[in-house]
Amino acid sequence: MAIRTATAEWQGDLPSGSGTFSGESAQIEGDYSFQRFDDGGGGTNPEELIAAAHAGCFSMQFSAMLAAGGNTPESIRTEAKVQVINTRKGEIVDSFESGDTPHENNFSENGKRIFHASIGTVYTPLDQPAFDTTKGKRFFQIVDARTMEVRRRLNMGKILDEAGFPDMSAAVRPMTLSPNERYLYFQVSFFHGYIEYDLRTDRVRRVVTLPQGEEAKDTPREEYLLDSAHHGIAMNPQGTKLCVAGTMSDYAAVVNRRTTRYRTIPVGEKPYWSTTSEDGRFCFVSVSGEDRVSVISMKKAKEVASIPVGNHPQRMRTGHVRRAFVR
């Protein structure tokens, strides 16, 4: 494979400096700056260039996969957006802008807002804090569910740093909200625990650390499952307890929301999602490495049942279906 070379020159300090870049092919060149990412200033930035490179590689690989299946595409466009689908008609009817790699959507109780998060690139080996900017644009967003207007966009990595918690990722992973939707509880890449955030005052209230298993302590970040130290958090409807999937430590934890006291339950290899029953009595945890769902009593903090499922279970949602559909 040919070696491609690009050159970048930077002048000045980080906040006020600027730079230029160019490629040996003379097909790319331009200005870049820190302000472009942090404050919306002019020029591009390394994150945007990396995002363009990832989008280009994805488009080419997807084209190759389609062609291998006998379907040669006319064109492929890769973009970080969340699309709204009319499920009755099977049509895309709207969309809103997201960060890189849109990840999760949760509706507010009244259906008027969407709580959305993007996680950036989670499949590269550049996982140390020094390389955090290579992960791309990652945001927590609150979106108007009717107009698809992004009402609020928060960089949680920057907010955590300003609150005295440096070197934490901006990638918001699974999330849950208090019953009144004032408090957001969320996990971030590489962190063994969760964050409690006040959406009314825009303030980090608590950063709660949960235990690491012995094997997890010896596992480098580069070997975390898609950057996930923990991947799964849910709250009971009463708002008193959280159920957390400790992915890299092979446990689930039932946590008292007020005191943060917890009990861990060994569930097996790579628990990767959690959700609670409608009445709050049980937590369902996807155990991705064992192809099962662990059913945990929220009151007793112990496994009470196990449901065998397909390969690598992950996301679950509770809902209502007609009895005839499951016969």
Protein backbone atom coordinates (compact mmCIF):
# COMPACT_ATOMS: atom_id res chain seq x y z
CA MET A 1 0.00 0.00 0.00
CA ALA A 2 1.31 3.45 -0.87
CA ILE A 3 2.34 5.80 1.95
CA ARG A 4 0.29 9.01 2.03
CA THR A 5 1.72 12.14 3.64
CA ALA A 6 -0.02 15.17 5.07
CA THR A 7 1.57 18.21 6.71
CA ALA A 8 0.24 20.48 9.42
CA GLU A 9 1.78 23.65 10.89
CA TRP A 10 0.57 25.30 14.10
CA GLN A 11 1.40 28.81 15.30
CA GLY A 12 0.71 30.22 18.75
CA ASP A 13 -0.77 28.70 21.88
CA LEU A 14 -3.76 26.37 21.95
CA PRO A 15 -6.65 28.76 22.75
CA SER A 16 -5.70 31.59 20.38
CA GLY A 17 -3.39 29.92 17.88
CA SER A 18 -4.20 28.60 14.43
CA GLY A 19 -2.75 26.28 11.86
CA THR A 20 -2.74 25.19 8.25
CA PHE A 21 -2.73 21.73 6.75
CA SER A 22 -2.19 20.21 3.32
CA GLY A 23 -1.86 16.83 1.66
CA GLU A 24 0.75 15.76 -0.85
CA SER A 25 -1.98 15.13 -3.41
CA ALA A 26 -2.87 18.85 -3.28
CA GLN A 27 -6.52 17.80 -3.00
CA ILE A 28 -6.89 18.92 0.61
CA GLU A 29 -5.65 22.08 2.28
CA GLY A 30 -7.03 24.67 4.65
CA ASP A 31 -6.97 26.33 8.06
CA TYR A 32 -7.76 24.78 11.42
CA SER A 33 -8.17 26.10 14.95
CA PHE A 34 -9.13 25.14 18.47
CA GLN A 35 -11.94 27.71 18.49
CA ARG A 36 -13.65 25.94 15.59
CA PHE A 37 -14.42 23.04 17.94
CA ASP A 38 -14.78 24.83 21.25
CA ASP A 39 -16.43 28.15 20.34
CA GLY A 40 -17.55 27.84 16.72
CA GLY A 41 -14.74 29.93 15.23
CA GLY A 42 -13.51 29.84 11.64
CA GLY A 43 -11.70 27.03 9.86
CA THR A 44 -11.91 23.32 10.50
CA ASN A 45 -10.31 21.29 13.30
CA PRO A 46 -8.59 17.88 13.67
CA GLU A 47 -11.79 16.27 14.97
CA GLU A 48 -13.72 17.33 11.87
CA LEU A 49 -10.95 16.07 9.60
CA ILE A 50 -10.87 12.72 11.40
CA ALA A 51 -14.66 12.52 11.16
CA ALA A 52 -14.40 13.12 7.39
CA ALA A 53 -11.76 10.40 7.11
CA HIS A 54 -13.91 7.92 9.06
CA ALA A 55 -16.96 8.80 6.96
CA GLY A 56 -14.93 8.28 3.78
CA CYS A 57 -13.60 4.90 4.93
CA PHE A 58 -17.05 3.76 6.04
CA SER A 59 -18.60 4.77 2.73
CA MET A 60 -15.96 2.89 0.74
CA GLN A 61 -16.19 -0.24 2.88
CA PHE A 62 -19.99 -0.19 2.76
CA SER A 63 -19.80 0.14 -1.03
CA ALA A 64 -17.50 -2.91 -1.18
CA MET A 65 -19.88 -4.94 1.01
CA LEU A 66 -22.89 -4.05 -1.14
CA ALA A 67 -21.01 -4.92 -4.33
CA ALA A 68 -19.91 -8.24 -2.83
CA GLY A 69 -23.58 -9.02 -2.27
CA GLY A 70 -24.43 -8.25 -5.88
CA ASN A 71 -25.77 -4.73 -5.31
CA THR A 72 -23.56 -2.05 -6.84
CA PRO A 73 -24.50 1.34 -5.32
CA GLU A 74 -24.77 4.53 -7.33
CA SER A 75 -23.68 6.71 -4.42
CA ILE A 76 -23.25 6.54 -0.64
CA ARG A 77 -23.39 9.49 1.75
CA THR A 78 -22.26 9.09 5.34
CA GLU A 79 -23.43 11.67 7.86
CA ALA A 80 -23.98 11.90 11.62
CA LYS A 81 -27.71 12.41 11.91
CA VAL A 82 -30.66 10.96 13.78
CA GLN A 83 -33.54 10.11 11.48
CA VAL A 84 -37.24 9.99 12.31
CA ILE A 85 -39.09 7.07 10.77
CA ASN A 86 -42.83 6.75 10.27
CA THR A 87 -43.10 3.11 11.35
CA ARG A 88 -46.53 2.64 9.77
CA LYS A 89 -45.40 3.79 6.33
CA GLY A 90 -41.75 2.75 6.64
CA GLU A 91 -40.56 6.21 5.56
CA ILE A 92 -37.93 8.64 6.87
CA VAL A 93 -39.88 11.81 7.61
CA ASP A 94 -37.42 14.02 9.52
CA SER A 95 -33.98 14.21 11.15
CA PHE A 96 -31.84 16.27 13.50
CA GLU A 97 -28.11 16.89 13.76
CA SER A 98 -26.04 14.78 16.11
CA GLY A 99 -22.42 14.38 17.07
CA ASP A 100 -20.29 11.52 15.73
CA THR A 101 -21.84 8.06 16.11
CA PRO A 102 -25.36 8.77 17.39
CA HIS A 103 -26.05 6.28 20.17
CA GLU A 104 -29.24 6.59 22.20
CA ASN A 105 -32.62 8.33 22.21
CA ASN A 106 -35.04 8.54 25.14
CA PHE A 107 -38.37 10.33 25.05
CA SER A 108 -39.59 12.46 27.92
CA GLU A 109 -42.66 11.17 29.76
CA ASN A 110 -44.94 13.57 27.87
CA GLY A 111 -43.31 12.75 24.53
CA LYS A 112 -42.36 16.35 23.84
CA ARG A 113 -38.59 16.03 24.20
CA ILE A 114 -35.89 13.62 23.07
CA PHE A 115 -32.81 13.07 25.22
CA HIS A 116 -30.07 12.10 22.78
CA ALA A 117 -26.38 11.25 23.04
CA SER A 118 -23.54 10.57 20.60
CA ILE A 119 -20.43 8.59 21.54
CA GLY A 120 -17.84 9.35 18.85
CA THR A 121 -15.48 6.74 17.44
CA VAL A 122 -15.26 3.80 19.84
CA TYR A 123 -13.42 1.36 17.57
CA THR A 124 -9.94 2.92 17.41
CA PRO A 125 -6.95 2.08 19.65
CA LEU A 126 -6.42 5.74 20.64
CA ASP A 127 -8.07 5.38 24.04
CA GLN A 128 -5.76 7.25 26.41
CA PRO A 129 -6.90 10.72 27.60
CA ALA A 130 -4.12 12.38 25.60
CA PHE A 131 -5.84 11.25 22.40
CA ASP A 132 -9.37 12.14 23.45
CA THR A 133 -9.90 14.65 20.64
CA THR A 134 -9.48 11.88 18.07
CA LYS A 135 -12.78 10.43 19.26
CA GLY A 136 -14.70 13.15 17.42
CA LYS A 137 -17.68 15.28 18.44
CA ARG A 138 -19.70 13.87 21.35
CA PHE A 139 -22.70 15.59 22.85
CA PHE A 140 -25.72 15.16 25.07
CA GLN A 141 -28.67 16.89 23.42
CA ILE A 142 -32.25 17.78 24.27
CA VAL A 143 -34.38 17.91 21.12
CA ASP A 144 -37.90 19.19 20.50
CA ALA A 145 -39.76 16.04 19.42
CA ARG A 146 -42.19 17.99 17.23
CA THR A 147 -39.88 20.37 15.36
CA MET A 148 -36.65 18.31 15.67
CA GLU A 149 -34.88 21.48 16.82
CA VAL A 150 -31.88 20.87 19.07
CA ARG A 151 -32.76 22.95 22.13
CA ARG A 152 -29.66 22.18 24.22
CA ARG A 153 -26.30 20.66 23.38
CA LEU A 154 -23.87 19.84 26.19
CA ASN A 155 -20.26 18.68 26.02
CA MET A 156 -20.20 16.55 29.18
CA GLY A 157 -16.43 16.02 29.02
CA LYS A 158 -15.84 19.77 29.18
CA ILE A 159 -18.47 20.20 31.90
CA LEU A 160 -16.93 17.42 34.02
CA ASP A 161 -13.47 18.95 33.59
CA GLU A 162 -14.73 22.35 34.76
CA ALA A 163 -16.39 20.66 37.75
CA GLY A 164 -13.04 19.21 38.85
CA PHE A 165 -13.13 15.83 37.13
CA PRO A 166 -10.44 15.97 34.42
CA ASP A 167 -9.71 13.39 31.73
CA MET A 168 -13.25 12.03 31.62
CA SER A 169 -14.82 11.21 28.29
CA ALA A 170 -17.54 13.32 26.67
CA ALA A 171 -19.17 10.16 25.29
CA VAL A 172 -22.47 9.74 27.12
CA ARG A 173 -23.34 6.05 27.08
CA PRO A 174 -26.60 4.65 28.53
CA MET A 175 -28.65 7.14 30.53
CA THR A 176 -31.72 7.33 32.72
CA LEU A 177 -33.71 10.16 34.28
CA SER A 178 -35.38 10.81 37.61
CA PRO A 179 -39.20 10.61 37.61
CA ASN A 180 -39.51 14.41 37.40
CA GLU A 181 -36.83 14.48 34.66
CA ARG A 182 -34.76 17.06 36.51
CA TYR A 183 -31.80 14.77 37.17
CA LEU A 184 -29.89 12.88 34.52
CA TYR A 185 -27.90 9.77 35.42
CA PHE A 186 -25.43 8.68 32.78
CA GLN A 187 -22.34 6.62 32.10
CA VAL A 188 -19.35 7.76 30.05
CA SER A 189 -16.69 5.81 28.20
CA PHE A 190 -13.94 4.21 30.34
CA PHE A 191 -15.53 5.18 33.68
CA HIS A 192 -16.56 2.57 36.26
CA GLY A 193 -19.60 4.31 37.69
CA TYR A 194 -22.05 7.04 36.75
CA ILE A 195 -22.65 10.79 36.93
CA GLU A 196 -25.63 12.60 38.45
CA TYR A 197 -26.39 15.86 36.62
CA ASP A 198 -28.95 18.56 37.41
CA LEU A 199 -30.57 19.61 34.14
CA ARG A 200 -32.29 22.58 35.80
CA THR A 201 -29.14 24.20 37.19
CA ASP A 202 -26.70 22.71 34.64
CA ARG A 203 -24.49 21.35 37.38
CA VAL A 204 -22.70 18.09 38.11
CA ARG A 205 -24.08 16.94 41.46
CA ARG A 206 -22.17 13.72 42.00
CA VAL A 207 -19.69 11.45 40.30
CA VAL A 208 -20.27 7.99 41.74
CA THR A 209 -17.50 5.42 41.42
CA LEU A 210 -18.42 1.74 41.57
CA PRO A 211 -15.96 -1.11 42.13
CA GLN A 212 -13.72 -2.67 39.52
CA GLY A 213 -13.27 -6.42 39.34
CA GLU A 214 -9.73 -7.72 39.68
CA GLU A 215 -9.56 -8.64 36.00
CA ALA A 216 -10.88 -5.21 35.00
CA LYS A 217 -8.16 -3.53 37.05
CA ASP A 218 -5.54 -5.30 34.95
CA THR A 219 -7.28 -4.66 31.62
CA PRO A 220 -5.91 -1.72 29.60
CA ARG A 221 -8.43 0.78 28.25
CA GLU A 222 -7.61 -0.31 24.72
CA GLU A 223 -9.21 -3.69 25.48
CA TYR A 224 -12.49 -2.35 26.86
CA LEU A 225 -15.53 -3.49 24.90
CA LEU A 226 -16.14 -0.53 22.54
CA ASP A 227 -14.74 1.80 25.23
CA SER A 228 -17.38 0.62 27.74
CA ALA A 229 -16.28 0.25 31.35
CA HIS A 230 -19.98 0.22 32.28
CA HIS A 231 -22.79 0.00 29.73
CA GLY A 232 -26.28 -0.09 31.19
CA ILE A 233 -28.16 2.02 33.72
CA ALA A 234 -31.86 2.12 34.61
CA MET A 235 -33.99 3.57 37.41
CA ASN A 236 -37.10 2.08 38.99
CA PRO A 237 -40.32 4.11 38.47
CA GLN A 238 -40.29 5.15 42.12
CA GLY A 239 -36.94 6.88 41.61
CA THR A 240 -35.31 5.20 44.60
CA LYS A 241 -32.92 2.69 43.03
CA LEU A 242 -30.62 2.34 40.05
CA CYS A 243 -29.65 -0.85 38.28
CA VAL A 244 -26.19 -0.67 36.71
CA ALA A 245 -24.42 -3.03 34.31
CA GLY A 246 -20.73 -3.25 35.28
CA THR A 247 -19.62 -4.44 31.85
CA MET A 248 -15.87 -4.95 32.31
CA SER A 249 -16.29 -6.27 35.87
CA ASP A 250 -19.00 -8.85 35.06
CA TYR A 251 -21.54 -7.68 37.61
CA ALA A 252 -24.81 -5.85 37.96
CA ALA A 253 -25.29 -3.44 40.84
CA VAL A 254 -28.41 -2.25 42.63
CA VAL A 255 -27.69 1.25 43.94
CA ASN A 256 -29.65 3.34 46.42
CA ARG A 257 -30.17 6.59 44.52
CA ARG A 258 -30.04 8.84 47.61
CA THR A 259 -27.18 7.28 49.56
CA THR A 260 -25.32 5.63 46.59
CA ARG A 261 -24.90 2.48 48.71
CA TYR A 262 -24.83 -0.55 46.46
CA ARG A 263 -24.81 -4.31 46.25
CA THR A 264 -23.17 -6.09 43.35
CA ILE A 265 -24.49 -9.29 41.79
CA PRO A 266 -22.12 -11.47 39.69
CA VAL A 267 -23.95 -12.16 36.43
CA GLY A 268 -21.26 -13.46 34.10
CA GLU A 269 -19.36 -12.24 31.08
CA LYS A 270 -19.93 -8.68 29.81
CA PRO A 271 -23.32 -7.44 31.04
CA TYR A 272 -24.22 -4.83 28.42
CA TRP A 273 -27.63 -3.30 29.13
CA SER A 274 -30.17 -2.92 31.93
CA THR A 275 -33.81 -1.96 32.10
CA THR A 276 -36.43 -2.21 34.83
CA SER A 277 -39.88 -3.75 34.85
CA GLU A 278 -42.91 -1.47 34.74
CA ASP A 279 -43.60 -1.97 38.46
CA GLY A 280 -39.94 -1.56 39.41
CA ARG A 281 -39.66 -4.98 41.05
CA PHE A 282 -37.13 -6.40 38.62
CA CYS A 283 -34.13 -5.35 36.58
CA PHE A 284 -33.34 -7.16 33.33
CA VAL A 285 -29.63 -7.27 32.46
CA SER A 286 -28.33 -8.44 29.08
CA VAL A 287 -25.35 -10.72 29.69
CA SER A 288 -23.80 -10.40 26.24
CA GLY A 289 -21.02 -12.97 26.69
CA GLU A 290 -23.39 -15.71 27.88
CA ASP A 291 -26.38 -15.16 25.56
CA ARG A 292 -28.88 -14.70 28.36
CA VAL A 293 -30.83 -12.11 30.30
CA SER A 294 -30.37 -12.03 34.06
CA VAL A 295 -33.52 -11.15 36.02
CA ILE A 296 -32.61 -9.37 39.26
CA SER A 297 -34.86 -8.58 42.21
CA MET A 298 -34.45 -4.89 42.99
CA LYS A 299 -35.58 -5.50 46.59
CA LYS A 300 -33.31 -8.45 47.32
CA ALA A 301 -30.44 -7.45 44.98
CA LYS A 302 -30.08 -11.02 43.75
CA GLU A 303 -30.69 -12.94 40.55
CA VAL A 304 -34.05 -14.68 40.59
CA ALA A 305 -34.29 -15.98 37.01
CA SER A 306 -32.32 -16.41 33.80
CA ILE A 307 -33.71 -16.20 30.25
CA PRO A 308 -31.74 -17.77 27.37
CA VAL A 309 -31.68 -15.53 24.28
CA GLY A 310 -29.78 -15.12 20.99
CA ASN A 311 -26.17 -14.22 20.36
CA HIS A 312 -24.74 -11.15 22.15
CA PRO A 313 -27.91 -9.62 23.67
CA GLN A 314 -27.77 -5.91 24.24
CA ARG A 315 -30.59 -3.34 24.25
CA MET A 316 -33.95 -4.13 25.78
CA ARG A 317 -37.15 -2.15 26.23
CA THR A 318 -40.23 -3.11 28.20
CA GLY A 319 -43.62 -2.74 26.57
CA HIS A 320 -47.07 -4.21 26.05
CA VAL A 321 -47.89 -6.80 23.38
CA ARG A 322 -51.01 -8.81 22.72
CA ARG A 323 -50.96 -12.20 24.39
CA ALA A 324 -51.69 -13.87 21.03
CA PHE A 325 -48.37 -12.57 19.65
CA VAL A 326 -46.28 -14.57 22.16
CA ARG A 327 -48.16 -17.89 21.96
